[in-house]
């Protein structure tokens, strides 16, 4: 990306807010950035893509979770943007409101750092599905449907006294469905909620247990 393109990028409100927010958080998600700058996820993704091409941010993974953080160059630009904004707003009647916004962003970053060790433990149950993003909800629904099918087939096999080989033939294809869901999680632009990943892994372990289990007995 040329210098002119970088300049155009940061003369726009959304990219500037995005970079400042990433800097305040240290490490965050694309979906969180989208909500913070009041932008669609698709538009936020395009902004982040341009930032990555410019060497301002990098994407990192912790397990299957995708994070966004500033590069050293990005941190330099963040500092310059703050200084630039301070200069142009110094005499502005709106300067107090802008300062307040910046302080709120910094407070959110500090609060996020303090709450990292306070994640809910009942992740696999996911009682409040409304708090999940749309992608996580979609994958969770697929996981639940898949688990219901696996349990239903195994229960029917036990009731009918089917052989282990027959059960394996019926349940085996679902290993492919689980692999597809894992692939969807890994390739997702927006990070998938850890609780959904845990639910998928539990379903995978359940299937493996059924496939390796003893021959069902007649009931």
Protein backbone atom coordinates (compact mmCIF):
# COMPACT_ATOMS: atom_id res chain seq x y z
CA UNK A 1 0.00 0.00 0.00
CA UNK A 2 1.39 3.44 -0.96
CA UNK A 3 1.95 6.32 1.48
CA UNK A 4 -0.98 8.15 -0.14
CA UNK A 5 -3.27 5.19 0.58
CA UNK A 6 -2.18 5.07 4.21
CA UNK A 7 -2.82 8.80 4.56
CA UNK A 8 -6.30 8.45 3.05
CA UNK A 9 -7.02 5.55 5.39
CA UNK A 10 -6.35 7.57 8.55
CA UNK A 11 -8.11 10.69 7.41
CA UNK A 12 -11.27 8.64 7.89
CA UNK A 13 -13.03 8.31 11.23
CA UNK A 14 -13.58 4.52 11.47
CA UNK A 15 -9.98 3.40 10.77
CA UNK A 16 -8.63 5.97 13.22
CA UNK A 17 -11.02 4.84 15.95
CA UNK A 18 -10.19 1.21 15.18
CA UNK A 19 -6.44 1.70 15.51
CA UNK A 20 -6.77 3.71 18.71
CA UNK A 21 -9.07 1.08 20.19
CA UNK A 22 -6.72 -1.77 19.30
CA UNK A 23 -3.89 0.17 20.92
CA UNK A 24 -5.89 0.73 24.09
CA UNK A 25 -6.87 -2.93 24.35
CA UNK A 26 -3.45 -4.36 23.52
CA UNK A 27 -5.07 -7.45 22.00
CA UNK A 28 -8.68 -7.81 20.89
CA UNK A 29 -11.13 -9.41 18.42
CA UNK A 30 -12.43 -8.15 15.08
CA UNK A 31 -16.02 -8.48 16.29
CA UNK A 32 -15.28 -6.37 19.38
CA UNK A 33 -13.67 -3.69 17.22
CA UNK A 34 -16.72 -3.69 14.94
CA UNK A 35 -19.03 -2.98 17.87
CA UNK A 36 -16.74 -0.35 19.36
CA UNK A 37 -16.45 1.74 16.17
CA UNK A 38 -20.12 1.17 15.27
CA UNK A 39 -19.35 -0.46 11.93
CA UNK A 40 -20.49 -3.59 10.13
CA UNK A 41 -18.27 -6.64 10.56
CA UNK A 42 -17.61 -6.75 6.79
CA UNK A 43 -16.46 -3.12 6.73
CA UNK A 44 -14.33 -3.64 9.83
CA UNK A 45 -12.69 -6.66 8.19
CA UNK A 46 -11.80 -4.54 5.16
CA UNK A 47 -10.28 -1.88 7.41
CA UNK A 48 -8.22 -4.47 9.28
CA UNK A 49 -7.08 -6.01 6.00
CA UNK A 50 -5.73 -2.64 4.83
CA UNK A 51 -4.05 -2.11 8.19
CA UNK A 52 -2.38 -5.51 7.96
CA UNK A 53 -1.17 -4.76 4.41
CA UNK A 54 0.29 -1.49 5.74
CA UNK A 55 2.15 -3.33 8.50
CA UNK A 56 0.14 -1.62 11.24
CA UNK A 57 -1.46 -4.71 12.79
CA UNK A 58 -0.95 -8.44 12.90
CA UNK A 59 -3.27 -11.35 13.54
CA UNK A 60 -2.26 -13.96 16.10
CA UNK A 61 -3.87 -17.17 17.28
CA UNK A 62 -4.19 -18.66 20.75
CA UNK A 63 -5.62 -22.09 20.09
CA UNK A 64 -8.45 -21.45 17.69
CA UNK A 65 -9.03 -17.87 18.83
CA UNK A 66 -7.91 -15.13 16.41
CA UNK A 67 -6.64 -11.88 17.92
CA UNK A 68 -5.70 -8.48 16.50
CA UNK A 69 -2.84 -6.40 17.89
CA UNK A 70 -0.65 -3.48 16.81
CA UNK A 71 2.83 -3.98 15.37
CA UNK A 72 5.67 -1.73 16.53
CA UNK A 73 4.98 0.43 13.47
CA UNK A 74 1.30 0.47 14.40
CA UNK A 75 2.15 1.70 17.90
CA UNK A 76 4.21 4.53 16.39
CA UNK A 77 1.26 5.53 14.20
CA UNK A 78 -1.06 5.32 17.21
CA UNK A 79 1.16 7.76 19.11
CA UNK A 80 1.30 10.09 16.11
CA UNK A 81 -2.48 9.97 15.71
CA UNK A 82 -3.00 10.89 19.35
CA UNK A 83 -0.59 13.80 19.05
CA UNK A 84 -2.20 14.93 15.79
CA UNK A 85 -5.67 14.76 17.31
CA UNK A 86 -4.52 16.71 20.36
CA UNK A 87 -3.12 19.44 18.13
CA UNK A 88 -6.18 19.89 15.92
CA UNK A 89 -8.62 19.75 18.85
CA UNK A 90 -6.69 21.99 21.23
CA UNK A 91 -8.69 25.09 20.25
CA UNK A 92 -11.90 23.26 19.34
CA UNK A 93 -15.10 23.71 21.42
CA UNK A 94 -15.54 19.95 21.12
CA UNK A 95 -12.12 19.15 22.56
CA UNK A 96 -13.48 18.27 26.00
CA UNK A 97 -15.90 15.74 24.48
CA UNK A 98 -13.12 14.17 22.39
CA UNK A 99 -10.89 13.90 25.44
CA UNK A 100 -13.72 12.21 27.31
CA UNK A 101 -14.11 9.67 24.49
CA UNK A 102 -10.40 8.88 24.55
CA UNK A 103 -10.48 8.37 28.31
CA UNK A 104 -13.44 6.02 27.97
CA UNK A 105 -11.54 3.95 25.38
CA UNK A 106 -8.51 3.73 27.67
CA UNK A 107 -10.70 2.75 30.63
CA UNK A 108 -12.25 -0.06 28.59
CA UNK A 109 -8.78 -1.32 27.75
CA UNK A 110 -7.76 -1.32 31.42
CA UNK A 111 -11.01 -3.01 32.44
CA UNK A 112 -10.50 -5.73 29.82
CA UNK A 113 -7.00 -6.41 31.14
CA UNK A 114 -8.34 -6.71 34.68
CA UNK A 115 -11.14 -9.08 33.71
CA UNK A 116 -9.09 -11.58 31.68
CA UNK A 117 -8.90 -13.93 34.66
CA UNK A 118 -12.62 -13.68 35.41
CA UNK A 119 -14.10 -15.71 32.53
CA UNK A 120 -17.23 -17.73 33.39
CA UNK A 121 -16.59 -21.39 34.19
CA UNK A 122 -19.90 -22.76 32.88
CA UNK A 123 -18.73 -22.30 29.29
CA UNK A 124 -19.88 -25.66 27.95
CA UNK A 125 -23.46 -25.13 29.08
CA UNK A 126 -23.86 -21.71 27.40
CA UNK A 127 -26.96 -20.66 29.26
CA UNK A 128 -27.14 -17.17 27.79
CA UNK A 129 -26.91 -17.70 24.04
CA UNK A 130 -27.88 -14.08 23.35
CA UNK A 131 -24.38 -12.98 24.38
CA UNK A 132 -22.78 -14.99 21.53
CA UNK A 133 -22.04 -13.41 18.16
CA UNK A 134 -23.94 -14.67 15.10
CA UNK A 135 -21.14 -16.94 13.89
CA UNK A 136 -20.78 -18.61 17.30
CA UNK A 137 -24.55 -19.10 17.50
CA UNK A 138 -24.57 -20.67 14.02
CA UNK A 139 -21.77 -23.12 14.85
CA UNK A 140 -23.27 -23.91 18.24
CA UNK A 141 -26.58 -24.84 16.60
CA UNK A 142 -24.75 -27.16 14.20
CA UNK A 143 -22.87 -28.76 17.10
CA UNK A 144 -26.06 -29.35 19.08
CA UNK A 145 -27.88 -30.85 16.08
CA UNK A 146 -24.91 -33.09 15.37
CA UNK A 147 -24.72 -34.29 18.97
CA UNK A 148 -28.46 -35.02 19.03
CA UNK A 149 -28.13 -37.15 15.88
CA UNK A 150 -25.14 -39.05 17.26
CA UNK A 151 -26.88 -39.76 20.57
CA UNK A 152 -30.11 -40.76 18.84
CA UNK A 153 -28.35 -43.21 16.50
CA UNK A 154 -26.37 -44.76 19.34
CA UNK A 155 -29.43 -45.05 21.57
CA UNK A 156 -31.38 -46.76 18.78
CA UNK A 157 -28.45 -49.12 18.15
CA UNK A 158 -28.35 -50.13 21.81
CA UNK A 159 -32.11 -50.69 21.91
CA UNK A 160 -31.99 -52.88 18.80
CA UNK A 161 -28.86 -54.76 19.85
CA UNK A 162 -26.94 -53.84 16.70
CA UNK A 163 -23.32 -54.95 16.32
CA UNK A 164 -20.36 -52.68 16.96
CA UNK A 165 -19.55 -52.80 13.25
CA UNK A 166 -23.04 -51.63 12.35
CA UNK A 167 -22.83 -48.77 14.87
CA UNK A 168 -19.46 -47.74 13.45
CA UNK A 169 -20.84 -47.68 9.91
CA UNK A 170 -23.70 -45.46 11.01
CA UNK A 171 -21.68 -43.09 13.20
CA UNK A 172 -18.42 -43.04 11.24
CA UNK A 173 -19.53 -40.41 8.69
CA UNK A 174 -20.18 -37.93 11.48
CA UNK A 175 -16.41 -37.68 12.06
CA UNK A 176 -16.29 -35.83 8.76
CA UNK A 177 -18.96 -33.39 9.95
CA UNK A 178 -16.94 -32.67 13.09
CA UNK A 179 -13.81 -32.02 11.01
CA UNK A 180 -15.78 -29.57 8.88
CA UNK A 181 -16.90 -27.67 11.98
CA UNK A 182 -13.32 -27.54 13.26
CA UNK A 183 -12.27 -26.16 9.90
CA UNK A 184 -15.02 -23.53 10.04
CA UNK A 185 -13.81 -22.46 13.48
CA UNK A 186 -10.18 -22.23 12.38
CA UNK A 187 -10.95 -20.23 9.22
CA UNK A 188 -13.44 -17.86 10.85
CA UNK A 189 -12.61 -14.16 10.50
CA UNK A 190 -14.45 -13.45 13.73
CA UNK A 191 -13.20 -15.43 16.76
CA UNK A 192 -15.55 -18.23 17.77
CA UNK A 193 -16.58 -18.22 21.42
CA UNK A 194 -14.49 -20.60 23.56
CA UNK A 195 -17.66 -22.16 24.95
CA UNK A 196 -18.72 -23.18 21.44
CA UNK A 197 -15.28 -24.68 20.76
CA UNK A 198 -15.56 -26.64 24.02
CA UNK A 199 -19.01 -27.93 23.02
CA UNK A 200 -17.60 -29.10 19.69
CA UNK A 201 -14.69 -30.88 21.37
CA UNK A 202 -17.07 -32.60 23.82
CA UNK A 203 -19.20 -33.85 20.91
CA UNK A 204 -16.05 -35.14 19.23
CA UNK A 205 -15.02 -37.03 22.38
CA UNK A 206 -18.54 -38.48 22.68
CA UNK A 207 -18.43 -39.78 19.12
CA UNK A 208 -15.00 -41.33 19.65
CA UNK A 209 -16.26 -43.06 22.81
CA UNK A 210 -19.24 -44.50 20.92
CA UNK A 211 -17.04 -45.70 18.06
CA UNK A 212 -14.60 -47.38 20.45
CA UNK A 213 -17.22 -48.61 22.88
CA UNK A 214 -18.19 -52.23 23.56
CA UNK A 215 -20.70 -54.08 21.44
CA UNK A 216 -24.25 -52.99 22.37
CA UNK A 217 -26.25 -55.64 24.21
CA UNK A 218 -29.88 -56.62 23.58
CA UNK A 219 -32.32 -54.83 25.80
